[in-house]
Amino acid sequence: MKTFTAIIERDSDTNLYIGYVPEFPGAHSQGETLDELQENLPEVIEMLLEDEDATKKYCDKIY
């Protein structure tokens, strides 16, 4: 299984946690709590991996 590093910030205007995975374009999400964000980000990555174009871009970037 591939491990991804997420960058997490707190938006002071909305009080939401914002997370994104720098090495995986399009992998970003938000949540009211860190737990919610930690549930959302893997779902986003799974959806992107199911998308053939996103997978090709990701794989091309690594290799």
C-alpha atoms as a PDB file:
ATOM      1  CA  MET A   1       0.000   0.000   0.000  1.00  0.00           C
ATOM      2  CA  LYS A   2       1.261   3.476  -0.887  1.00  0.00           C
ATOM      3  CA  THR A   3       1.599   5.984   1.948  1.00  0.00           C
ATOM      4  CA  PHE A   4       0.872   9.653   1.280  1.00  0.00           C
ATOM      5  CA  THR A   5       1.806  12.689   3.338  1.00  0.00           C
ATOM      6  CA  ALA A   6      -0.928  15.269   3.822  1.00  0.00           C
ATOM      7  CA  ILE A   7      -0.463  18.926   4.659  1.00  0.00           C
ATOM      8  CA  ILE A   8      -3.143  20.119   7.069  1.00  0.00           C
ATOM      9  CA  GLU A   9      -3.984  23.732   7.831  1.00  0.00           C
ATOM     10  CA  ARG A  10      -6.728  25.406   9.842  1.00  0.00           C
ATOM     11  CA  ASP A  11      -8.705  28.096   8.001  1.00  0.00           C
ATOM     12  CA  SER A  12      -9.181  30.946  10.454  1.00  0.00           C
ATOM     13  CA  ASP A  13     -12.181  32.335   8.533  1.00  0.00           C
ATOM     14  CA  THR A  14     -14.223  29.117   8.368  1.00  0.00           C
ATOM     15  CA  ASN A  15     -12.588  27.244  11.278  1.00  0.00           C
ATOM     16  CA  LEU A  16     -12.328  24.186   8.989  1.00  0.00           C
ATOM     17  CA  TYR A  17      -9.340  21.896   8.653  1.00  0.00           C
ATOM     18  CA  ILE A  18      -8.030  21.889   5.087  1.00  0.00           C
ATOM     19  CA  GLY A  19      -5.854  19.021   3.893  1.00  0.00           C
ATOM     20  CA  TYR A  20      -4.067  18.249   0.655  1.00  0.00           C
ATOM     21  CA  VAL A  21      -1.544  15.744  -0.635  1.00  0.00           C
ATOM     22  CA  PRO A  22       1.199  17.650  -2.512  1.00  0.00           C
ATOM     23  CA  GLU A  23       2.445  14.659  -4.527  1.00  0.00           C
ATOM     24  CA  PHE A  24      -1.064  13.744  -5.713  1.00  0.00           C
ATOM     25  CA  PRO A  25      -2.701  16.504  -7.789  1.00  0.00           C
ATOM     26  CA  GLY A  26      -6.369  16.963  -6.943  1.00  0.00           C
ATOM     27  CA  ALA A  27      -6.173  15.241  -3.564  1.00  0.00           C
ATOM     28  CA  HIS A  28      -7.606  17.816  -1.189  1.00  0.00           C
ATOM     29  CA  SER A  29     -10.495  17.951   1.239  1.00  0.00           C
ATOM     30  CA  GLN A  30     -11.801  19.675   4.339  1.00  0.00           C
ATOM     31  CA  GLY A  31     -13.496  18.785   7.594  1.00  0.00           C
ATOM     32  CA  GLU A  32     -14.863  20.369  10.739  1.00  0.00           C
ATOM     33  CA  THR A  33     -12.614  18.067  12.805  1.00  0.00           C
ATOM     34  CA  LEU A  34      -9.302  16.333  12.204  1.00  0.00           C
ATOM     35  CA  ASP A  35     -11.111  12.997  12.403  1.00  0.00           C
ATOM     36  CA  GLU A  36     -13.508  14.061   9.644  1.00  0.00           C
ATOM     37  CA  LEU A  37     -10.618  15.253   7.491  1.00  0.00           C
ATOM     38  CA  GLN A  38      -8.755  11.971   8.066  1.00  0.00           C
ATOM     39  CA  GLU A  39     -11.822  10.104   6.805  1.00  0.00           C
ATOM     40  CA  ASN A  40     -12.287  12.397   3.790  1.00  0.00           C
ATOM     41  CA  LEU A  41      -8.755  12.462   2.372  1.00  0.00           C
ATOM     42  CA  PRO A  42      -8.416   8.689   1.797  1.00  0.00           C
ATOM     43  CA  GLU A  43     -11.824   8.699   0.087  1.00  0.00           C
ATOM     44  CA  VAL A  44     -10.645  11.445  -2.263  1.00  0.00           C
ATOM     45  CA  ILE A  45      -7.471   9.519  -3.092  1.00  0.00           C
ATOM     46  CA  GLU A  46      -9.490   6.347  -3.757  1.00  0.00           C
ATOM     47  CA  MET A  47     -11.796   8.243  -6.116  1.00  0.00           C
ATOM     48  CA  LEU A  48      -8.838   9.758  -7.946  1.00  0.00           C
ATOM     49  CA  LEU A  49      -7.154   6.377  -8.304  1.00  0.00           C
ATOM     50  CA  GLU A  50     -10.343   5.007  -9.844  1.00  0.00           C
ATOM     51  CA  ASP A  51     -10.153   7.778 -12.445  1.00  0.00           C
ATOM     52  CA  GLU A  52      -7.883   6.485 -15.228  1.00  0.00           C
ATOM     53  CA  ASP A  53      -6.613   9.948 -16.227  1.00  0.00           C
ATOM     54  CA  ALA A  54      -5.652  10.880 -12.668  1.00  0.00           C
ATOM     55  CA  THR A  55      -3.883   7.563 -12.172  1.00  0.00           C
ATOM     56  CA  LYS A  56      -1.895   8.041 -15.382  1.00  0.00           C
ATOM     57  CA  LYS A  57      -0.824  11.567 -14.346  1.00  0.00           C
ATOM     58  CA  TYR A  58       0.168  10.312 -10.895  1.00  0.00           C
ATOM     59  CA  CYS A  59       2.100   7.321 -12.238  1.00  0.00           C
ATOM     60  CA  ASP A  60       3.854   9.438 -14.881  1.00  0.00           C
ATOM     61  CA  LYS A  61       4.940  11.856 -12.146  1.00  0.00           C
ATOM     62  CA  ILE A  62       6.470   9.082 -10.018  1.00  0.00           C
ATOM     63  CA  TYR A  63       8.253   7.160 -12.769  1.00  0.00           C
END
